[in-house]
Every structure is written in C-alpha cells, then in structure tokens.
N, C-alpha and C. Protein backbone atom coordinates (compact mmCIF):
# COMPACT_ATOMS: atom_id res chain seq x y z
N MET A 1 0.81 -1.20 0.00
CA MET A 1 0.00 0.00 0.00
C MET A 1 0.85 1.26 0.00
N LEU A 2 1.93 1.22 0.73
CA LEU A 2 2.75 2.42 0.84
C LEU A 2 3.50 2.76 -0.44
N THR A 3 3.66 1.77 -1.32
CA THR A 3 4.38 2.05 -2.57
C THR A 3 3.47 2.62 -3.66
N VAL A 4 2.18 2.47 -3.51
CA VAL A 4 1.24 2.95 -4.54
C VAL A 4 1.39 4.46 -4.76
N PRO A 5 1.37 5.29 -3.71
CA PRO A 5 1.52 6.73 -3.95
C PRO A 5 2.86 7.11 -4.58
N VAL A 6 3.89 6.29 -4.37
CA VAL A 6 5.19 6.57 -4.97
C VAL A 6 5.08 6.56 -6.50
N PHE A 7 4.20 5.73 -7.03
CA PHE A 7 4.01 5.66 -8.48
C PHE A 7 2.91 6.61 -8.96
N LEU A 8 1.84 6.73 -8.19
CA LEU A 8 0.71 7.54 -8.66
C LEU A 8 0.94 9.04 -8.52
N ALA A 9 1.64 9.47 -7.48
CA ALA A 9 1.87 10.90 -7.30
C ALA A 9 2.65 11.51 -8.47
N PRO A 10 3.75 10.90 -8.91
CA PRO A 10 4.43 11.48 -10.08
C PRO A 10 3.58 11.43 -11.35
N ALA A 11 2.72 10.41 -11.46
CA ALA A 11 1.87 10.31 -12.64
C ALA A 11 0.89 11.47 -12.71
N VAL A 12 0.47 11.98 -11.54
CA VAL A 12 -0.46 13.11 -11.50
C VAL A 12 0.19 14.36 -12.10
N TYR A 13 1.48 14.51 -11.90
CA TYR A 13 2.18 15.70 -12.37
C TYR A 13 2.89 15.52 -13.71
N ALA A 14 2.87 14.31 -14.24
CA ALA A 14 3.56 14.07 -15.51
C ALA A 14 2.87 14.83 -16.64
N ASN A 15 3.66 15.42 -17.50
CA ASN A 15 3.13 16.15 -18.65
C ASN A 15 3.09 15.29 -19.91
N SER A 16 3.63 14.10 -19.82
CA SER A 16 3.73 13.22 -20.98
C SER A 16 2.99 11.92 -20.70
N LEU A 17 2.22 11.49 -21.67
CA LEU A 17 1.52 10.21 -21.55
C LEU A 17 2.52 9.06 -21.46
N ALA A 18 3.64 9.18 -22.15
CA ALA A 18 4.67 8.14 -22.13
C ALA A 18 5.25 7.97 -20.73
N VAL A 19 5.27 9.01 -19.95
CA VAL A 19 5.76 8.93 -18.57
C VAL A 19 4.63 8.52 -17.63
N ALA A 20 3.46 9.11 -17.80
CA ALA A 20 2.35 8.88 -16.87
C ALA A 20 1.78 7.47 -16.98
N LEU A 21 1.65 6.94 -18.18
CA LEU A 21 0.99 5.65 -18.36
C LEU A 21 1.70 4.51 -17.63
N PRO A 22 3.02 4.36 -17.76
CA PRO A 22 3.68 3.29 -17.00
C PRO A 22 3.55 3.48 -15.48
N LEU A 23 3.59 4.72 -15.03
CA LEU A 23 3.43 4.98 -13.60
C LEU A 23 2.02 4.61 -13.14
N LEU A 24 1.02 4.97 -13.93
CA LEU A 24 -0.36 4.62 -13.58
C LEU A 24 -0.59 3.11 -13.59
N ILE A 25 -0.01 2.43 -14.56
CA ILE A 25 -0.15 0.98 -14.63
C ILE A 25 0.53 0.32 -13.43
N ALA A 26 1.72 0.78 -13.09
CA ALA A 26 2.43 0.22 -11.93
C ALA A 26 1.66 0.49 -10.64
N GLY A 27 1.16 1.70 -10.49
CA GLY A 27 0.40 2.04 -9.29
C GLY A 27 -0.88 1.23 -9.17
N ALA A 28 -1.61 1.08 -10.27
CA ALA A 28 -2.84 0.29 -10.26
C ALA A 28 -2.55 -1.18 -9.99
N THR A 29 -1.46 -1.68 -10.56
CA THR A 29 -1.08 -3.08 -10.32
C THR A 29 -0.75 -3.31 -8.86
N LEU A 30 0.01 -2.42 -8.27
CA LEU A 30 0.36 -2.55 -6.86
C LEU A 30 -0.88 -2.42 -5.97
N LEU A 31 -1.79 -1.55 -6.34
CA LEU A 31 -3.01 -1.38 -5.57
C LEU A 31 -3.85 -2.65 -5.61
N ALA A 32 -3.97 -3.25 -6.79
CA ALA A 32 -4.75 -4.48 -6.93
C ALA A 32 -4.04 -5.67 -6.29
N ALA A 33 -2.72 -5.64 -6.25
CA ALA A 33 -1.95 -6.77 -5.70
C ALA A 33 -2.17 -6.95 -4.20
N THR A 34 -2.66 -5.94 -3.52
CA THR A 34 -2.88 -6.06 -2.07
C THR A 34 -4.16 -6.82 -1.74
N ASN A 35 -5.08 -6.93 -2.68
CA ASN A 35 -6.38 -7.55 -2.37
C ASN A 35 -6.30 -9.03 -1.99
N PRO A 36 -5.63 -9.91 -2.75
CA PRO A 36 -5.60 -11.33 -2.35
C PRO A 36 -4.97 -11.58 -0.97
N PRO A 37 -3.83 -10.95 -0.65
CA PRO A 37 -3.30 -11.18 0.70
C PRO A 37 -4.24 -10.67 1.80
N LEU A 38 -4.89 -9.53 1.56
CA LEU A 38 -5.83 -9.02 2.56
C LEU A 38 -7.03 -9.95 2.73
N ASP A 39 -7.50 -10.53 1.64
CA ASP A 39 -8.59 -11.50 1.72
C ASP A 39 -8.16 -12.73 2.52
N ALA A 40 -6.95 -13.22 2.28
CA ALA A 40 -6.45 -14.39 3.00
C ALA A 40 -6.29 -14.09 4.49
N VAL A 41 -5.78 -12.93 4.81
CA VAL A 41 -5.62 -12.55 6.21
C VAL A 41 -6.96 -12.45 6.90
N ARG A 42 -7.93 -11.90 6.21
CA ARG A 42 -9.26 -11.77 6.80
C ARG A 42 -9.83 -13.14 7.15
N LEU A 43 -9.60 -14.13 6.30
CA LEU A 43 -10.07 -15.49 6.59
C LEU A 43 -9.29 -16.10 7.74
N ASP A 44 -8.01 -15.75 7.87
CA ASP A 44 -7.19 -16.29 8.96
C ASP A 44 -7.65 -15.83 10.33
N ILE A 45 -8.13 -14.60 10.42
CA ILE A 45 -8.43 -14.05 11.75
C ILE A 45 -9.89 -14.19 12.14
N LEU A 46 -10.71 -14.82 11.28
CA LEU A 46 -12.10 -15.07 11.63
C LEU A 46 -12.33 -16.58 11.72
N PRO A 47 -13.07 -17.02 12.73
CA PRO A 47 -13.44 -18.44 12.77
C PRO A 47 -14.28 -18.76 11.53
N PRO A 48 -14.14 -19.96 10.98
CA PRO A 48 -14.84 -20.30 9.74
C PRO A 48 -16.35 -20.08 9.79
N LEU A 49 -16.96 -20.31 10.93
CA LEU A 49 -18.41 -20.12 11.02
C LEU A 49 -18.81 -18.65 10.99
N MET A 50 -17.85 -17.75 11.08
CA MET A 50 -18.12 -16.31 11.05
C MET A 50 -17.78 -15.67 9.71
N TRP A 51 -17.31 -16.44 8.75
CA TRP A 51 -16.87 -15.87 7.48
C TRP A 51 -17.99 -15.11 6.78
N GLY A 52 -19.16 -15.66 6.73
CA GLY A 52 -20.28 -14.98 6.06
C GLY A 52 -20.64 -13.68 6.74
N THR A 53 -20.73 -13.73 8.06
CA THR A 53 -21.05 -12.52 8.83
C THR A 53 -19.95 -11.47 8.68
N GLY A 54 -18.71 -11.94 8.73
CA GLY A 54 -17.58 -11.03 8.57
C GLY A 54 -17.58 -10.34 7.21
N GLU A 55 -17.89 -11.09 6.17
CA GLU A 55 -17.96 -10.50 4.83
C GLU A 55 -19.10 -9.49 4.74
N GLY A 56 -20.22 -9.81 5.37
CA GLY A 56 -21.35 -8.86 5.36
C GLY A 56 -21.00 -7.57 6.07
N VAL A 57 -20.34 -7.70 7.21
CA VAL A 57 -19.95 -6.50 7.98
C VAL A 57 -18.90 -5.70 7.21
N ARG A 58 -17.98 -6.38 6.55
CA ARG A 58 -16.94 -5.69 5.80
C ARG A 58 -17.51 -5.03 4.54
N THR A 59 -18.41 -5.71 3.88
CA THR A 59 -18.93 -5.23 2.61
C THR A 59 -19.78 -3.97 2.77
N MET A 60 -20.54 -3.88 3.84
CA MET A 60 -21.43 -2.73 4.01
C MET A 60 -20.67 -1.40 4.09
N PRO A 61 -19.73 -1.23 5.02
CA PRO A 61 -19.01 0.06 5.04
C PRO A 61 -18.14 0.27 3.81
N ARG A 62 -17.59 -0.81 3.25
CA ARG A 62 -16.77 -0.66 2.05
C ARG A 62 -17.61 -0.13 0.89
N THR A 63 -18.80 -0.68 0.73
CA THR A 63 -19.69 -0.22 -0.34
C THR A 63 -20.10 1.22 -0.14
N LEU A 64 -20.41 1.58 1.10
CA LEU A 64 -20.78 2.97 1.39
C LEU A 64 -19.62 3.92 1.09
N CYS A 65 -18.42 3.53 1.47
CA CYS A 65 -17.26 4.39 1.21
C CYS A 65 -16.97 4.49 -0.29
N GLU A 66 -17.09 3.37 -1.01
CA GLU A 66 -16.86 3.42 -2.45
C GLU A 66 -17.92 4.26 -3.15
N ALA A 67 -19.14 4.24 -2.65
CA ALA A 67 -20.20 5.05 -3.24
C ALA A 67 -20.02 6.53 -2.94
N ALA A 68 -19.51 6.84 -1.76
CA ALA A 68 -19.34 8.24 -1.36
C ALA A 68 -18.07 8.86 -1.95
N ALA A 69 -17.11 8.06 -2.34
CA ALA A 69 -15.81 8.59 -2.78
C ALA A 69 -15.92 9.56 -3.96
N PRO A 70 -16.63 9.24 -5.04
CA PRO A 70 -16.70 10.20 -6.14
C PRO A 70 -17.35 11.53 -5.74
N THR A 71 -18.38 11.44 -4.91
CA THR A 71 -19.04 12.67 -4.46
C THR A 71 -18.10 13.50 -3.60
N LEU A 72 -17.40 12.84 -2.69
CA LEU A 72 -16.45 13.54 -1.83
C LEU A 72 -15.33 14.16 -2.66
N PHE A 73 -14.83 13.40 -3.62
CA PHE A 73 -13.78 13.91 -4.50
C PHE A 73 -14.28 15.13 -5.27
N GLY A 74 -15.50 15.02 -5.81
CA GLY A 74 -16.08 16.13 -6.56
C GLY A 74 -16.33 17.35 -5.70
N TYR A 75 -16.58 17.15 -4.42
CA TYR A 75 -16.79 18.28 -3.52
C TYR A 75 -15.46 18.92 -3.13
N VAL A 76 -14.47 18.11 -2.81
CA VAL A 76 -13.19 18.62 -2.32
C VAL A 76 -12.46 19.41 -3.40
N SER A 77 -12.47 18.93 -4.61
CA SER A 77 -11.68 19.57 -5.66
C SER A 77 -12.04 21.04 -5.86
N PRO A 78 -13.29 21.39 -6.11
CA PRO A 78 -13.56 22.82 -6.33
C PRO A 78 -13.68 23.62 -5.04
N ASN A 79 -14.09 23.00 -3.95
CA ASN A 79 -14.36 23.76 -2.72
C ASN A 79 -13.17 23.91 -1.80
N VAL A 80 -12.21 23.04 -1.89
CA VAL A 80 -11.05 23.14 -1.00
C VAL A 80 -9.86 23.77 -1.71
N PHE A 81 -9.57 23.32 -2.94
CA PHE A 81 -8.35 23.76 -3.58
C PHE A 81 -8.55 24.85 -4.62
N GLU A 82 -9.65 24.86 -5.33
CA GLU A 82 -9.86 25.91 -6.30
C GLU A 82 -10.40 27.14 -5.59
N GLY A 83 -10.11 28.28 -6.11
CA GLY A 83 -10.53 29.52 -5.47
C GLY A 83 -9.50 30.06 -4.50
N HIS A 84 -8.39 29.33 -4.32
CA HIS A 84 -7.30 29.80 -3.46
C HIS A 84 -6.09 30.13 -4.32
N GLY A 85 -6.36 30.72 -5.46
CA GLY A 85 -5.26 31.10 -6.34
C GLY A 85 -4.79 29.97 -7.24
N THR A 86 -5.57 28.88 -7.31
CA THR A 86 -5.18 27.77 -8.18
C THR A 86 -6.19 27.65 -9.30
N ASP A 87 -5.73 27.12 -10.43
CA ASP A 87 -6.67 26.87 -11.52
C ASP A 87 -7.29 25.49 -11.34
N SER A 88 -8.23 25.13 -12.20
CA SER A 88 -8.98 23.87 -12.03
C SER A 88 -8.07 22.65 -12.14
N GLY A 89 -7.06 22.69 -13.03
CA GLY A 89 -6.15 21.55 -13.17
C GLY A 89 -5.31 21.34 -11.94
N THR A 90 -4.81 22.42 -11.36
CA THR A 90 -4.00 22.31 -10.16
C THR A 90 -4.85 21.86 -8.97
N GLY A 91 -6.07 22.34 -8.88
CA GLY A 91 -6.97 21.91 -7.80
C GLY A 91 -7.25 20.43 -7.88
N LEU A 92 -7.40 19.92 -9.09
CA LEU A 92 -7.62 18.49 -9.29
C LEU A 92 -6.38 17.70 -8.89
N GLN A 93 -5.21 18.20 -9.25
CA GLN A 93 -3.97 17.52 -8.87
C GLN A 93 -3.82 17.48 -7.35
N TYR A 94 -4.08 18.58 -6.68
CA TYR A 94 -3.97 18.61 -5.22
C TYR A 94 -4.97 17.66 -4.57
N THR A 95 -6.16 17.57 -5.15
CA THR A 95 -7.17 16.66 -4.61
C THR A 95 -6.72 15.21 -4.76
N LEU A 96 -6.17 14.87 -5.92
CA LEU A 96 -5.66 13.51 -6.12
C LEU A 96 -4.56 13.19 -5.12
N LEU A 97 -3.67 14.13 -4.89
CA LEU A 97 -2.59 13.90 -3.92
C LEU A 97 -3.13 13.77 -2.50
N LEU A 98 -4.12 14.58 -2.17
CA LEU A 98 -4.74 14.48 -0.85
C LEU A 98 -5.36 13.09 -0.64
N PHE A 99 -6.05 12.61 -1.66
CA PHE A 99 -6.70 11.31 -1.53
C PHE A 99 -5.69 10.17 -1.55
N LEU A 100 -4.50 10.38 -2.10
CA LEU A 100 -3.44 9.38 -2.02
C LEU A 100 -2.96 9.20 -0.58
N LEU A 101 -3.15 10.23 0.23
CA LEU A 101 -2.77 10.11 1.64
C LEU A 101 -3.58 9.03 2.36
N THR A 102 -4.79 8.76 1.87
CA THR A 102 -5.57 7.67 2.48
C THR A 102 -4.89 6.32 2.27
N LEU A 103 -4.19 6.17 1.15
CA LEU A 103 -3.44 4.93 0.93
C LEU A 103 -2.25 4.84 1.86
N VAL A 104 -1.61 5.95 2.13
CA VAL A 104 -0.52 5.96 3.10
C VAL A 104 -1.06 5.58 4.48
N ALA A 105 -2.19 6.15 4.85
CA ALA A 105 -2.80 5.82 6.14
C ALA A 105 -3.16 4.34 6.21
N ALA A 106 -3.68 3.78 5.11
CA ALA A 106 -4.01 2.35 5.09
C ALA A 106 -2.76 1.49 5.23
N GLY A 107 -1.69 1.90 4.59
CA GLY A 107 -0.43 1.16 4.72
C GLY A 107 0.11 1.19 6.13
N LEU A 108 0.04 2.36 6.76
CA LEU A 108 0.50 2.46 8.15
C LEU A 108 -0.38 1.65 9.09
N LEU A 109 -1.67 1.65 8.82
CA LEU A 109 -2.59 0.82 9.60
C LEU A 109 -2.25 -0.66 9.44
N GLY A 110 -1.82 -1.04 8.24
CA GLY A 110 -1.40 -2.42 8.01
C GLY A 110 -0.21 -2.80 8.86
N PHE A 111 0.73 -1.87 9.07
CA PHE A 111 1.87 -2.15 9.95
C PHE A 111 1.41 -2.38 11.39
N VAL A 112 0.45 -1.60 11.82
CA VAL A 112 -0.09 -1.80 13.18
C VAL A 112 -0.78 -3.16 13.27
N ALA A 113 -1.54 -3.52 12.24
CA ALA A 113 -2.27 -4.79 12.25
C ALA A 113 -1.31 -5.98 12.20
N MET A 114 -0.16 -5.82 11.57
CA MET A 114 0.81 -6.92 11.52
C MET A 114 1.30 -7.29 12.91
N ARG A 115 1.34 -6.35 13.80
CA ARG A 115 1.80 -6.65 15.17
C ARG A 115 0.81 -7.53 15.91
N THR A 116 -0.49 -7.39 15.64
CA THR A 116 -1.50 -8.17 16.36
C THR A 116 -1.93 -9.41 15.58
N TYR A 117 -1.44 -9.60 14.37
CA TYR A 117 -1.89 -10.71 13.52
C TYR A 117 -1.67 -12.08 14.17
N PRO A 118 -0.49 -12.40 14.70
CA PRO A 118 -0.32 -13.74 15.30
C PRO A 118 -1.31 -14.00 16.44
N ARG A 119 -1.54 -13.02 17.25
CA ARG A 119 -2.50 -13.18 18.35
C ARG A 119 -3.92 -13.36 17.82
N ASP A 120 -4.27 -12.61 16.77
CA ASP A 120 -5.60 -12.72 16.19
C ASP A 120 -5.83 -14.10 15.56
N VAL A 121 -4.80 -14.64 14.89
CA VAL A 121 -4.91 -15.98 14.30
C VAL A 121 -5.08 -17.02 15.40
N ALA A 122 -4.30 -16.91 16.47
CA ALA A 122 -4.39 -17.86 17.58
C ALA A 122 -5.77 -17.79 18.24
N THR A 123 -6.31 -16.60 18.38
CA THR A 123 -7.64 -16.44 18.97
C THR A 123 -8.70 -17.08 18.09
N ALA A 124 -8.62 -16.88 16.79
CA ALA A 124 -9.58 -17.48 15.87
C ALA A 124 -9.47 -19.00 15.90
N GLN A 125 -8.26 -19.52 15.95
CA GLN A 125 -8.06 -20.98 16.01
C GLN A 125 -8.62 -21.54 17.32
N ALA A 126 -8.35 -20.88 18.42
CA ALA A 126 -8.87 -21.35 19.71
C ALA A 126 -10.39 -21.31 19.72
N SER A 127 -10.97 -20.29 19.15
CA SER A 127 -12.42 -20.19 19.08
C SER A 127 -13.00 -21.32 18.24
N THR A 128 -12.37 -21.61 17.12
CA THR A 128 -12.82 -22.70 16.25
C THR A 128 -12.75 -24.04 16.98
N GLU A 129 -11.66 -24.27 17.68
CA GLU A 129 -11.50 -25.52 18.42
C GLU A 129 -12.55 -25.64 19.52
N ARG A 130 -12.83 -24.55 20.18
CA ARG A 130 -13.83 -24.58 21.25
C ARG A 130 -15.23 -24.84 20.70
N ILE A 131 -15.55 -24.22 19.58
CA ILE A 131 -16.86 -24.45 18.96
C ILE A 131 -16.98 -25.91 18.52
N GLU A 132 -15.93 -26.45 17.91
CA GLU A 132 -15.95 -27.85 17.47
C GLU A 132 -16.12 -28.80 18.65
N ALA A 133 -15.42 -28.51 19.75
CA ALA A 133 -15.55 -29.35 20.94
C ALA A 133 -16.96 -29.27 21.51
N SER A 134 -17.55 -28.10 21.50
CA SER A 134 -18.91 -27.93 22.01
C SER A 134 -19.92 -28.68 21.15
N VAL A 135 -19.75 -28.61 19.84
CA VAL A 135 -20.65 -29.31 18.93
C VAL A 135 -20.51 -30.82 19.11
N GLN A 136 -19.29 -31.28 19.25
CA GLN A 136 -19.05 -32.71 19.44
C GLN A 136 -19.65 -33.19 20.77
N GLU A 137 -19.54 -32.37 21.79
CA GLU A 137 -20.11 -32.70 23.10
C GLU A 137 -21.63 -32.79 23.02
N GLN A 138 -22.25 -31.90 22.28
CA GLN A 138 -23.70 -31.94 22.11
C GLN A 138 -24.13 -33.19 21.36
N HIS A 139 -23.36 -33.59 20.36
CA HIS A 139 -23.69 -34.82 19.61
C HIS A 139 -23.56 -36.04 20.51
N GLU A 140 -22.56 -36.06 21.38
CA GLU A 140 -22.39 -37.19 22.28
C GLU A 140 -23.52 -37.29 23.28
N ARG A 141 -24.05 -36.17 23.73
CA ARG A 141 -25.18 -36.15 24.66
C ARG A 141 -26.43 -36.72 24.02
N LYS A 142 -26.63 -36.38 22.74
CA LYS A 142 -27.82 -36.86 22.03
C LYS A 142 -27.74 -38.37 21.80
N ASP A 143 -26.56 -38.89 21.61
CA ASP A 143 -26.40 -40.33 21.33
C ASP A 143 -26.50 -41.09 22.59
C-alpha cells in the first residue's frame, strides 16, 4: 500500500503520456496486488463459522465508502483547492494527492495490524476448536 503513492503521485504531475501511463499501470497493479493477501488474512483471523457474517460486515461500510468517494472527491476539488489562487487543473492535482494520503494511512494501519496478527490468528483458532468441541459434546449427549 505504501508504494502505490510513490508511483501515482508522479503520474499526476507528468506532462507526458509516455511517462504517466507506465506509472499509472504500476500504481494500479500494486493497488490491486494487495487484495488477495488481505482476503487471505481476513479469513485467517475469523473463525470459519463467522466468514459470512464477517464479509457482510466488511462489505457494508466498504460499499458505502466506495459510493461516497466520487461525491467527496467532486466536492473537495472545487471547494477546498480551487478559489485559493489555483486553476482547475491544479486543484484536481492537489485533490488527487490528498486522496493518495488515504493509501498511506491504510499502509501504516497495516503495519499496526501486523503486530497483532499472530494473536488474532491464535484467537480465531482457539475459538474454532472450542466451537468444534462444544458441537461434538452436544452430539455425544444426544447419542
């Protein structure tokens, strides 16, 4: 996540398509490359019986944020950066750079999450084992 702005920020200021296009492709590739590992980690830290609920909880705020992003971007560009001595192109560039900071924040949050990951995996595993033992105990009572 932290490397994405390194490629996308220069692409915002590039005056040449030959320079901007490879930077945009690299940035988009790196951005997409984070999804499979994040999906795998999410499954690691949730007990299997909670996967559906976890996906529902994750999907709702993610969808709301994705839906609000274009509106927020459209509001910030003319209202925050334009009108302060900048033209529309510069205001758009500043807005793109501002929104790239969210990727930096996500990357830093990932570093914090890496510290608790082993404990979270162990907790999910212990929870799964306890649920399995409880289910097995209930089956033995019925028999």
